[in-house]
Amino acid sequence: MPTYEYVCRNCGYEFEKFQQMTEDHLKTCPECGKDTLKRKIGAGSGVIFVGSGFYCNDYKGANASLGNPTSKKTKTSVAPAAKPAKTSKK
């Protein structure tokens, strides 16, 4: 259920109302009592992914090249780490 924003054209009172999409919009202002209430057009809320996310679970990994069938995986080489210098004990 979305949250709708309302503003009164008469007194300027603004508020939010949690309503079902099938409900009629409100008409009477709870502040001044006049039928001058207007529902604002908002951008809504964005999608929020909670948790590890679909990318990490579904697309990342061994099947990462499914979207591009011509892509080839290249093997990268890693240089060995330098050995620490030996210190003499006295």
N, C-alpha and C. Protein backbone atom coordinates (compact mmCIF):
# COMPACT_ATOMS: atom_id res chain seq x y z
N MET A 1 0.84 -1.18 0.00
CA MET A 1 0.00 0.00 0.00
C MET A 1 0.88 1.24 0.00
N PRO A 2 0.63 2.14 -0.90
CA PRO A 2 1.44 3.36 -0.99
C PRO A 2 1.04 4.44 0.00
N THR A 3 1.95 5.35 0.22
CA THR A 3 1.70 6.53 1.04
C THR A 3 1.48 7.71 0.10
N TYR A 4 0.34 8.36 0.22
CA TYR A 4 0.01 9.50 -0.63
C TYR A 4 0.20 10.80 0.14
N GLU A 5 0.61 11.84 -0.57
CA GLU A 5 0.78 13.17 0.02
C GLU A 5 -0.41 14.04 -0.39
N TYR A 6 -0.91 14.79 0.57
CA TYR A 6 -2.04 15.68 0.33
C TYR A 6 -1.68 17.09 0.75
N VAL A 7 -2.30 18.06 0.09
CA VAL A 7 -2.15 19.47 0.46
C VAL A 7 -3.52 20.14 0.31
N CYS A 8 -3.83 21.00 1.26
CA CYS A 8 -5.09 21.75 1.22
C CYS A 8 -4.87 23.05 0.45
N ARG A 9 -5.73 23.30 -0.52
CA ARG A 9 -5.62 24.54 -1.30
C ARG A 9 -6.09 25.75 -0.50
N ASN A 10 -6.88 25.52 0.52
CA ASN A 10 -7.43 26.61 1.31
C ASN A 10 -6.44 27.08 2.39
N CYS A 11 -5.99 26.16 3.25
CA CYS A 11 -5.14 26.57 4.38
C CYS A 11 -3.67 26.18 4.22
N GLY A 12 -3.34 25.37 3.20
CA GLY A 12 -1.95 25.00 2.97
C GLY A 12 -1.46 23.83 3.82
N TYR A 13 -2.33 23.19 4.57
CA TYR A 13 -1.96 22.05 5.42
C TYR A 13 -1.52 20.87 4.55
N GLU A 14 -0.38 20.29 4.87
CA GLU A 14 0.15 19.15 4.13
C GLU A 14 0.31 17.95 5.07
N PHE A 15 -0.02 16.77 4.56
CA PHE A 15 0.14 15.55 5.35
C PHE A 15 0.24 14.35 4.42
N GLU A 16 0.61 13.20 4.99
CA GLU A 16 0.71 11.96 4.25
C GLU A 16 -0.33 10.98 4.78
N LYS A 17 -0.84 10.14 3.90
CA LYS A 17 -1.86 9.16 4.28
C LYS A 17 -1.52 7.82 3.63
N PHE A 18 -1.49 6.77 4.44
CA PHE A 18 -1.23 5.41 3.99
C PHE A 18 -2.56 4.82 3.53
N GLN A 19 -2.73 4.60 2.21
CA GLN A 19 -4.00 4.16 1.66
C GLN A 19 -3.80 3.05 0.64
N GLN A 20 -4.86 2.28 0.44
CA GLN A 20 -4.84 1.30 -0.64
C GLN A 20 -4.96 2.02 -1.97
N MET A 21 -4.45 1.40 -3.02
CA MET A 21 -4.50 2.02 -4.34
C MET A 21 -5.94 2.14 -4.85
N THR A 22 -6.82 1.28 -4.40
CA THR A 22 -8.20 1.29 -4.88
C THR A 22 -9.09 2.29 -4.13
N GLU A 23 -8.60 2.85 -3.02
CA GLU A 23 -9.39 3.82 -2.26
C GLU A 23 -9.49 5.14 -3.01
N ASP A 24 -10.63 5.80 -2.84
CA ASP A 24 -10.78 7.15 -3.40
C ASP A 24 -9.88 8.10 -2.63
N HIS A 25 -9.40 9.14 -3.33
CA HIS A 25 -8.55 10.11 -2.63
C HIS A 25 -9.41 10.97 -1.70
N LEU A 26 -8.75 11.48 -0.66
CA LEU A 26 -9.45 12.29 0.34
C LEU A 26 -9.83 13.63 -0.26
N LYS A 27 -10.93 14.18 0.23
CA LYS A 27 -11.40 15.47 -0.29
C LYS A 27 -11.47 16.55 0.78
N THR A 28 -11.75 16.14 2.04
CA THR A 28 -11.95 17.11 3.12
C THR A 28 -10.68 17.27 3.93
N CYS A 29 -10.26 18.51 4.13
CA CYS A 29 -9.06 18.81 4.89
C CYS A 29 -9.31 18.56 6.38
N PRO A 30 -8.43 17.83 7.06
CA PRO A 30 -8.62 17.60 8.48
C PRO A 30 -8.36 18.84 9.34
N GLU A 31 -7.70 19.85 8.81
CA GLU A 31 -7.40 21.08 9.55
C GLU A 31 -8.56 22.08 9.49
N CYS A 32 -8.93 22.47 8.26
CA CYS A 32 -9.94 23.52 8.12
C CYS A 32 -11.34 22.98 7.82
N GLY A 33 -11.45 21.71 7.42
CA GLY A 33 -12.75 21.10 7.19
C GLY A 33 -13.37 21.40 5.84
N LYS A 34 -12.66 22.08 4.96
CA LYS A 34 -13.20 22.41 3.64
C LYS A 34 -12.84 21.31 2.64
N ASP A 35 -13.63 21.21 1.58
CA ASP A 35 -13.38 20.22 0.53
C ASP A 35 -12.41 20.75 -0.52
N THR A 36 -11.25 21.19 -0.07
CA THR A 36 -10.25 21.76 -0.98
C THR A 36 -8.95 20.96 -0.94
N LEU A 37 -9.03 19.68 -0.60
CA LEU A 37 -7.85 18.85 -0.48
C LEU A 37 -7.44 18.32 -1.86
N LYS A 38 -6.15 18.34 -2.13
CA LYS A 38 -5.62 17.88 -3.40
C LYS A 38 -4.50 16.88 -3.14
N ARG A 39 -4.54 15.75 -3.83
CA ARG A 39 -3.47 14.76 -3.70
C ARG A 39 -2.32 15.18 -4.60
N LYS A 40 -1.13 15.24 -4.01
CA LYS A 40 0.07 15.64 -4.75
C LYS A 40 0.58 14.47 -5.58
N ILE A 41 1.21 14.79 -6.66
CA ILE A 41 1.86 13.77 -7.49
C ILE A 41 3.30 13.68 -7.03
N GLY A 42 3.66 12.53 -6.52
CA GLY A 42 5.01 12.34 -6.00
C GLY A 42 5.79 11.38 -6.87
N ALA A 43 7.07 11.34 -6.61
CA ALA A 43 7.95 10.44 -7.34
C ALA A 43 7.85 9.02 -6.81
N GLY A 44 7.26 8.85 -5.66
CA GLY A 44 7.18 7.52 -5.07
C GLY A 44 8.50 7.15 -4.43
N SER A 45 8.59 5.93 -4.04
CA SER A 45 9.83 5.49 -3.42
C SER A 45 10.57 4.57 -4.36
N GLY A 46 11.86 4.57 -4.24
CA GLY A 46 12.69 3.70 -5.06
C GLY A 46 12.69 2.28 -4.51
N VAL A 47 13.14 1.38 -5.34
CA VAL A 47 13.24 -0.01 -4.92
C VAL A 47 14.46 -0.15 -4.02
N ILE A 48 14.28 -0.81 -2.90
CA ILE A 48 15.37 -1.01 -1.95
C ILE A 48 15.64 -2.50 -1.85
N PHE A 49 16.87 -2.89 -2.18
CA PHE A 49 17.27 -4.28 -2.06
C PHE A 49 17.92 -4.46 -0.69
N VAL A 50 17.40 -5.40 0.08
CA VAL A 50 17.92 -5.67 1.41
C VAL A 50 18.58 -7.04 1.41
N GLY A 51 19.72 -7.13 2.04
CA GLY A 51 20.41 -8.42 2.11
C GLY A 51 21.57 -8.47 1.14
N SER A 52 21.94 -9.67 0.77
CA SER A 52 23.11 -9.83 -0.10
C SER A 52 22.83 -9.38 -1.52
N GLY A 53 21.57 -9.33 -1.92
CA GLY A 53 21.21 -8.79 -3.22
C GLY A 53 21.18 -9.84 -4.31
N PHE A 54 20.42 -9.53 -5.36
CA PHE A 54 20.27 -10.50 -6.44
C PHE A 54 21.51 -10.61 -7.30
N TYR A 55 22.29 -9.54 -7.42
CA TYR A 55 23.47 -9.58 -8.27
C TYR A 55 24.48 -10.58 -7.74
N CYS A 56 24.74 -10.55 -6.45
CA CYS A 56 25.72 -11.46 -5.85
C CYS A 56 25.26 -12.90 -5.93
N ASN A 57 23.97 -13.12 -5.82
CA ASN A 57 23.46 -14.49 -5.80
C ASN A 57 23.21 -15.06 -7.19
N ASP A 58 22.74 -14.25 -8.12
CA ASP A 58 22.29 -14.78 -9.40
C ASP A 58 23.23 -14.53 -10.57
N TYR A 59 23.92 -13.42 -10.59
CA TYR A 59 24.67 -13.06 -11.78
C TYR A 59 26.18 -13.08 -11.62
N LYS A 60 26.65 -12.92 -10.44
CA LYS A 60 28.08 -12.85 -10.22
C LYS A 60 28.63 -14.26 -10.04
N GLY A 61 29.72 -14.56 -10.66
CA GLY A 61 30.34 -15.86 -10.45
C GLY A 61 30.61 -16.59 -11.75
N ALA A 62 30.44 -17.90 -11.74
CA ALA A 62 30.81 -18.75 -12.87
C ALA A 62 30.00 -18.42 -14.12
N ASN A 63 28.78 -18.03 -13.99
CA ASN A 63 27.94 -17.74 -15.15
C ASN A 63 27.90 -16.25 -15.48
N ALA A 64 28.92 -15.53 -15.14
CA ALA A 64 28.93 -14.08 -15.35
C ALA A 64 28.94 -13.72 -16.82
N SER A 65 29.42 -14.61 -17.69
CA SER A 65 29.51 -14.28 -19.11
C SER A 65 28.25 -14.66 -19.88
N LEU A 66 27.17 -15.05 -19.21
CA LEU A 66 25.95 -15.44 -19.91
C LEU A 66 25.37 -14.30 -20.72
N GLY A 67 25.49 -13.08 -20.23
CA GLY A 67 24.94 -11.94 -20.94
C GLY A 67 25.70 -11.62 -22.21
N ASN A 68 26.96 -11.98 -22.31
CA ASN A 68 27.79 -11.71 -23.47
C ASN A 68 28.43 -13.02 -23.92
N PRO A 69 27.83 -13.73 -24.88
CA PRO A 69 28.34 -15.05 -25.26
C PRO A 69 29.70 -15.01 -25.92
N THR A 70 30.13 -13.85 -26.41
CA THR A 70 31.43 -13.78 -27.08
C THR A 70 32.57 -13.46 -26.12
N SER A 71 32.23 -13.15 -24.87
CA SER A 71 33.29 -12.80 -23.93
C SER A 71 34.06 -14.05 -23.53
N LYS A 72 35.38 -13.91 -23.38
CA LYS A 72 36.23 -15.02 -22.98
C LYS A 72 36.91 -14.65 -21.68
N LYS A 73 37.00 -15.62 -20.81
CA LYS A 73 37.66 -15.38 -19.54
C LYS A 73 39.16 -15.47 -19.77
N THR A 74 39.89 -14.55 -19.20
CA THR A 74 41.34 -14.57 -19.32
C THR A 74 41.93 -14.95 -17.98
N LYS A 75 43.02 -15.68 -18.06
CA LYS A 75 43.69 -16.10 -16.84
C LYS A 75 44.71 -15.04 -16.47
N THR A 76 44.65 -14.57 -15.27
CA THR A 76 45.60 -13.55 -14.82
C THR A 76 46.67 -14.22 -13.99
N SER A 77 47.87 -13.77 -14.19
CA SER A 77 48.97 -14.34 -13.40
C SER A 77 49.33 -13.38 -12.28
N VAL A 78 49.72 -13.94 -11.17
CA VAL A 78 50.07 -13.15 -10.01
C VAL A 78 51.54 -13.40 -9.72
N ALA A 79 52.28 -12.32 -9.58
CA ALA A 79 53.71 -12.45 -9.27
C ALA A 79 53.88 -12.95 -7.85
N PRO A 80 54.88 -13.83 -7.62
CA PRO A 80 55.08 -14.32 -6.25
C PRO A 80 55.55 -13.18 -5.34
N ALA A 81 55.17 -13.29 -4.09
CA ALA A 81 55.53 -12.26 -3.13
C ALA A 81 57.02 -12.33 -2.83
N ALA A 82 57.62 -11.18 -2.56
CA ALA A 82 59.04 -11.12 -2.25
C ALA A 82 59.30 -11.74 -0.89
N LYS A 83 60.40 -12.48 -0.79
CA LYS A 83 60.74 -13.11 0.49
C LYS A 83 61.37 -12.08 1.41
N PRO A 84 61.04 -12.12 2.69
CA PRO A 84 61.64 -11.15 3.60
C PRO A 84 63.14 -11.43 3.77
N ALA A 85 63.88 -10.36 3.98
CA ALA A 85 65.33 -10.49 4.17
C ALA A 85 65.61 -11.17 5.49
N LYS A 86 66.64 -12.06 5.48
CA LYS A 86 67.01 -12.78 6.69
C LYS A 86 67.80 -11.84 7.58
N THR A 87 67.55 -11.91 8.86
CA THR A 87 68.29 -11.10 9.81
C THR A 87 69.19 -12.04 10.62
N SER A 88 70.36 -11.57 10.91
CA SER A 88 71.28 -12.39 11.69
C SER A 88 71.03 -12.17 13.18
N LYS A 89 71.14 -13.26 13.92
CA LYS A 89 70.91 -13.17 15.36
C LYS A 89 72.24 -13.03 16.04
N LYS A 90 72.38 -12.16 16.96
CA LYS A 90 73.62 -11.94 17.69
C LYS A 90 73.46 -12.26 19.12
